[in-house]
Amino acid sequence: MNTRPITKLDFAQIVRVIDHWWGGPTSALAHPMFFYQLGRLARVVEDEGQMVGFLLGFRCPDEAVGYVHLVGIHPGYRRRGVARLLYESFEQDCQREGCASMKAITTLGNEGSVRFHAALGWSQEEVADYAGPDRPRVVFTKELAPVAEEAR
């Protein structure tokens, strides 16, 4: 398996498969701005030429934070290290971009996401009203080590 930057063809495929991969209507979360305006750091994982995972993420424009917006893993590739590969690749990109930290969110009760982020060393905090009145979220953060100038 290898990871690489997202392409327009990948984004088109994501829109086609996301509802199946997530097990319900979710395609609205794959908004085109996460490809056209904010997609420079978005990644896909391929296995023998087939996309088996994606991460829509970006560097926040007003702060040195890499933000993971949406991750999808092909159902046949779950628990095979695809998400870890995506996160590690995105983290390296964020470090090269000068990010001091990374951030992601999930809904309360998404224990799989909580366990995954904890295993990768992310901190978590439940924030009331994060997504609006009576819409709490689990907010994940991870501090990043600075990258030496010659590695950028």
C-alpha atoms as a PDB file:
ATOM      1  CA  MET A   1       0.000   0.000   0.000  1.00  0.00           C
ATOM      2  CA  ASN A   2       1.176   3.504  -0.742  1.00  0.00           C
ATOM      3  CA  THR A   3      -0.048   6.978   0.095  1.00  0.00           C
ATOM      4  CA  ARG A   4      -0.067   9.925  -2.288  1.00  0.00           C
ATOM      5  CA  PRO A   5      -1.737  13.311  -2.812  1.00  0.00           C
ATOM      6  CA  ILE A   6      -5.375  13.297  -3.915  1.00  0.00           C
ATOM      7  CA  THR A   7      -6.329  13.923  -7.556  1.00  0.00           C
ATOM      8  CA  LYS A   8      -9.557  15.099  -9.190  1.00  0.00           C
ATOM      9  CA  LEU A   9     -10.306  11.488 -10.236  1.00  0.00           C
ATOM     10  CA  ASP A  10      -9.842  10.364  -6.612  1.00  0.00           C
ATOM     11  CA  PHE A  11     -12.254  13.034  -5.407  1.00  0.00           C
ATOM     12  CA  ALA A  12     -14.856  11.898  -7.938  1.00  0.00           C
ATOM     13  CA  GLN A  13     -14.472   8.327  -6.681  1.00  0.00           C
ATOM     14  CA  ILE A  14     -14.739   9.440  -3.036  1.00  0.00           C
ATOM     15  CA  VAL A  15     -18.078  11.089  -3.782  1.00  0.00           C
ATOM     16  CA  ARG A  16     -19.254   7.830  -5.400  1.00  0.00           C
ATOM     17  CA  VAL A  17     -18.167   5.459  -2.574  1.00  0.00           C
ATOM     18  CA  ILE A  18     -18.389   7.456   0.655  1.00  0.00           C
ATOM     19  CA  ASP A  19     -21.985   6.587   1.538  1.00  0.00           C
ATOM     20  CA  HIS A  20     -21.201   2.880   1.124  1.00  0.00           C
ATOM     21  CA  TRP A  21     -17.908   3.112   3.032  1.00  0.00           C
ATOM     22  CA  TRP A  22     -19.536   5.025   5.899  1.00  0.00           C
ATOM     23  CA  GLY A  23     -22.717   2.922   5.928  1.00  0.00           C
ATOM     24  CA  GLY A  24     -25.118   5.813   5.408  1.00  0.00           C
ATOM     25  CA  PRO A  25     -25.647   9.201   3.816  1.00  0.00           C
ATOM     26  CA  THR A  26     -22.498  11.198   4.309  1.00  0.00           C
ATOM     27  CA  SER A  27     -21.523  12.497   0.886  1.00  0.00           C
ATOM     28  CA  ALA A  28     -22.289  16.105   1.897  1.00  0.00           C
ATOM     29  CA  LEU A  29     -19.184  15.975   4.124  1.00  0.00           C
ATOM     30  CA  ALA A  30     -17.041  15.474   1.006  1.00  0.00           C
ATOM     31  CA  HIS A  31     -17.655  19.072  -0.024  1.00  0.00           C
ATOM     32  CA  PRO A  32     -15.756  20.121  -3.170  1.00  0.00           C
ATOM     33  CA  MET A  33     -13.890  22.858  -1.296  1.00  0.00           C
ATOM     34  CA  PHE A  34     -11.908  20.085   0.431  1.00  0.00           C
ATOM     35  CA  PHE A  35     -10.485  19.261  -2.974  1.00  0.00           C
ATOM     36  CA  TYR A  36     -10.429  22.542  -4.906  1.00  0.00           C
ATOM     37  CA  GLN A  37      -9.565  25.100  -2.215  1.00  0.00           C
ATOM     38  CA  LEU A  38      -8.257  23.067   0.722  1.00  0.00           C
ATOM     39  CA  GLY A  39      -7.077  19.834  -0.882  1.00  0.00           C
ATOM     40  CA  ARG A  40      -3.343  20.389  -1.240  1.00  0.00           C
ATOM     41  CA  LEU A  41      -2.615  18.143   1.769  1.00  0.00           C
ATOM     42  CA  ALA A  42      -5.443  15.638   1.202  1.00  0.00           C
ATOM     43  CA  ARG A  43      -4.198  12.055   0.772  1.00  0.00           C
ATOM     44  CA  VAL A  44      -5.287   8.690  -0.593  1.00  0.00           C
ATOM     45  CA  VAL A  45      -3.983   5.178   0.014  1.00  0.00           C
ATOM     46  CA  GLU A  46      -3.858   2.746  -2.868  1.00  0.00           C
ATOM     47  CA  ASP A  47      -3.379  -0.989  -2.953  1.00  0.00           C
ATOM     48  CA  GLU A  48      -2.445  -2.323  -6.383  1.00  0.00           C
ATOM     49  CA  GLY A  49      -3.894   0.753  -8.079  1.00  0.00           C
ATOM     50  CA  GLN A  50      -7.192   0.713  -6.152  1.00  0.00           C
ATOM     51  CA  MET A  51      -8.068   3.549  -3.762  1.00  0.00           C
ATOM     52  CA  VAL A  52      -8.674   1.929  -0.365  1.00  0.00           C
ATOM     53  CA  GLY A  53      -8.664   5.004   1.868  1.00  0.00           C
ATOM     54  CA  PHE A  54      -8.642   8.783   1.880  1.00  0.00           C
ATOM     55  CA  LEU A  55      -8.079  11.666   4.255  1.00  0.00           C
ATOM     56  CA  LEU A  56      -9.484  15.117   3.538  1.00  0.00           C
ATOM     57  CA  GLY A  57      -7.384  17.465   5.623  1.00  0.00           C
ATOM     58  CA  PHE A  58      -5.784  20.877   5.359  1.00  0.00           C
ATOM     59  CA  ARG A  59      -3.583  23.440   7.064  1.00  0.00           C
ATOM     60  CA  CYS A  60      -5.763  26.040   8.728  1.00  0.00           C
ATOM     61  CA  PRO A  61      -5.264  29.377   6.996  1.00  0.00           C
ATOM     62  CA  ASP A  62      -5.156  31.507  10.157  1.00  0.00           C
ATOM     63  CA  GLU A  63      -3.132  29.276  12.477  1.00  0.00           C
ATOM     64  CA  ALA A  64      -0.390  26.644  12.356  1.00  0.00           C
ATOM     65  CA  VAL A  65      -2.829  23.735  12.722  1.00  0.00           C
ATOM     66  CA  GLY A  66      -3.394  20.744  10.459  1.00  0.00           C
ATOM     67  CA  TYR A  67      -7.067  19.758  10.500  1.00  0.00           C
ATOM     68  CA  VAL A  68      -8.381  16.279   9.674  1.00  0.00           C
ATOM     69  CA  HIS A  69     -11.874  16.785   8.271  1.00  0.00           C
ATOM     70  CA  LEU A  70     -12.922  13.403   6.884  1.00  0.00           C
ATOM     71  CA  VAL A  71     -11.404   9.935   6.629  1.00  0.00           C
ATOM     72  CA  GLY A  72     -12.832   6.982   4.738  1.00  0.00           C
ATOM     73  CA  ILE A  73     -11.545   3.417   4.599  1.00  0.00           C
ATOM     74  CA  HIS A  74     -12.806   0.760   2.181  1.00  0.00           C
ATOM     75  CA  PRO A  75     -14.761  -1.783   4.306  1.00  0.00           C
ATOM     76  CA  GLY A  76     -12.531  -4.630   3.079  1.00  0.00           C
ATOM     77  CA  TYR A  77      -9.408  -2.786   4.260  1.00  0.00           C
ATOM     78  CA  ARG A  78     -10.365  -1.827   7.798  1.00  0.00           C
ATOM     79  CA  ARG A  79      -8.012  -2.786  10.621  1.00  0.00           C
ATOM     80  CA  ARG A  80      -5.160  -3.196   8.123  1.00  0.00           C
ATOM     81  CA  GLY A  81      -3.238   0.005   8.892  1.00  0.00           C
ATOM     82  CA  VAL A  82      -4.760   2.197   6.164  1.00  0.00           C
ATOM     83  CA  ALA A  83      -5.944   4.938   8.534  1.00  0.00           C
ATOM     84  CA  ARG A  84      -2.618   4.904  10.384  1.00  0.00           C
ATOM     85  CA  LEU A  85      -0.802   5.312   7.054  1.00  0.00           C
ATOM     86  CA  LEU A  86      -3.018   8.264   6.140  1.00  0.00           C
ATOM     87  CA  TYR A  87      -2.568   9.969   9.498  1.00  0.00           C
ATOM     88  CA  GLU A  88       1.215   9.470   9.527  1.00  0.00           C
ATOM     89  CA  SER A  89       1.539  10.856   5.996  1.00  0.00           C
ATOM     90  CA  PHE A  90      -0.706  13.825   6.794  1.00  0.00           C
ATOM     91  CA  GLU A  91       1.249  14.491  10.007  1.00  0.00           C
ATOM     92  CA  GLN A  92       4.519  14.606   8.043  1.00  0.00           C
ATOM     93  CA  ASP A  93       2.956  17.023   5.555  1.00  0.00           C
ATOM     94  CA  CYS A  94       1.691  19.212   8.400  1.00  0.00           C
ATOM     95  CA  GLN A  95       5.127  19.293   9.993  1.00  0.00           C
ATOM     96  CA  ARG A  96       6.699  20.331   6.677  1.00  0.00           C
ATOM     97  CA  GLU A  97       4.043  23.072   6.458  1.00  0.00           C
ATOM     98  CA  GLY A  98       5.158  24.417   9.844  1.00  0.00           C
ATOM     99  CA  CYS A  99       2.130  23.253  11.824  1.00  0.00           C
ATOM    100  CA  ALA A 100       2.567  23.192  15.589  1.00  0.00           C
ATOM    101  CA  SER A 101      -0.395  20.865  16.140  1.00  0.00           C
ATOM    102  CA  MET A 102      -3.172  18.856  14.542  1.00  0.00           C
ATOM    103  CA  LYS A 103      -6.887  18.732  15.279  1.00  0.00           C
ATOM    104  CA  ALA A 104      -9.885  16.508  14.501  1.00  0.00           C
ATOM    105  CA  ILE A 105     -13.376  16.039  15.949  1.00  0.00           C
ATOM    106  CA  THR A 106     -15.956  13.294  16.298  1.00  0.00           C
ATOM    107  CA  THR A 107     -19.386  12.829  17.779  1.00  0.00           C
ATOM    108  CA  LEU A 108     -19.901  11.520  21.290  1.00  0.00           C
ATOM    109  CA  GLY A 109     -20.216   7.757  21.327  1.00  0.00           C
ATOM    110  CA  ASN A 110     -17.823   7.147  18.416  1.00  0.00           C
ATOM    111  CA  GLU A 111     -15.615   4.887  20.510  1.00  0.00           C
ATOM    112  CA  GLY A 112     -13.744   3.537  17.494  1.00  0.00           C
ATOM    113  CA  SER A 113     -12.532   7.034  16.652  1.00  0.00           C
ATOM    114  CA  VAL A 114     -11.668   7.736  20.298  1.00  0.00           C
ATOM    115  CA  ARG A 115      -9.581   4.536  20.569  1.00  0.00           C
ATOM    116  CA  PHE A 116      -7.879   5.145  17.224  1.00  0.00           C
ATOM    117  CA  HIS A 117      -6.810   8.701  18.069  1.00  0.00           C
ATOM    118  CA  ALA A 118      -5.646   7.661  21.546  1.00  0.00           C
ATOM    119  CA  ALA A 119      -3.509   4.886  20.013  1.00  0.00           C
ATOM    120  CA  LEU A 120      -1.824   7.493  17.806  1.00  0.00           C
ATOM    121  CA  GLY A 121      -1.053   9.758  20.769  1.00  0.00           C
ATOM    122  CA  TRP A 122      -3.801  12.350  20.367  1.00  0.00           C
ATOM    123  CA  SER A 123      -5.344  14.091  23.389  1.00  0.00           C
ATOM    124  CA  GLN A 124      -9.104  14.392  23.656  1.00  0.00           C
ATOM    125  CA  GLU A 125     -11.607  16.702  25.304  1.00  0.00           C
ATOM    126  CA  GLU A 126     -15.389  16.685  25.263  1.00  0.00           C
ATOM    127  CA  VAL A 127     -16.561  20.214  24.385  1.00  0.00           C
ATOM    128  CA  ALA A 128     -20.198  21.127  25.032  1.00  0.00           C
ATOM    129  CA  ASP A 129     -21.905  23.124  22.266  1.00  0.00           C
ATOM    130  CA  TYR A 130     -18.838  22.734  19.992  1.00  0.00           C
ATOM    131  CA  ALA A 131     -21.028  22.219  16.909  1.00  0.00           C
ATOM    132  CA  GLY A 132     -23.820  24.527  18.099  1.00  0.00           C
ATOM    133  CA  PRO A 133     -26.332  24.492  20.963  1.00  0.00           C
ATOM    134  CA  ASP A 134     -26.678  21.028  22.498  1.00  0.00           C
ATOM    135  CA  ARG A 135     -24.224  19.567  19.948  1.00  0.00           C
ATOM    136  CA  PRO A 136     -21.158  18.463  21.900  1.00  0.00           C
ATOM    137  CA  ARG A 137     -18.122  16.959  20.173  1.00  0.00           C
ATOM    138  CA  VAL A 138     -14.978  15.135  21.160  1.00  0.00           C
ATOM    139  CA  VAL A 139     -12.101  17.370  20.086  1.00  0.00           C
ATOM    140  CA  PHE A 140      -8.794  15.624  19.415  1.00  0.00           C
ATOM    141  CA  THR A 141      -5.466  17.455  19.363  1.00  0.00           C
ATOM    142  CA  LYS A 142      -1.886  16.402  18.837  1.00  0.00           C
ATOM    143  CA  GLU A 143       1.172  18.558  19.344  1.00  0.00           C
ATOM    144  CA  LEU A 144       3.812  18.260  16.627  1.00  0.00           C
ATOM    145  CA  ALA A 145       7.548  18.362  17.002  1.00  0.00           C
ATOM    146  CA  PRO A 146       9.180  21.094  14.945  1.00  0.00           C
ATOM    147  CA  VAL A 147      10.880  19.945  11.746  1.00  0.00           C
ATOM    148  CA  ALA A 148      14.458  20.999  11.115  1.00  0.00           C
ATOM    149  CA  GLU A 149      14.859  23.603   8.328  1.00  0.00           C
ATOM    150  CA  GLU A 150      16.804  21.212   6.073  1.00  0.00           C
ATOM    151  CA  ALA A 151      13.917  18.678   6.202  1.00  0.00           C
ATOM    152  CA  ARG A 152      11.371  21.213   4.849  1.00  0.00           C
END
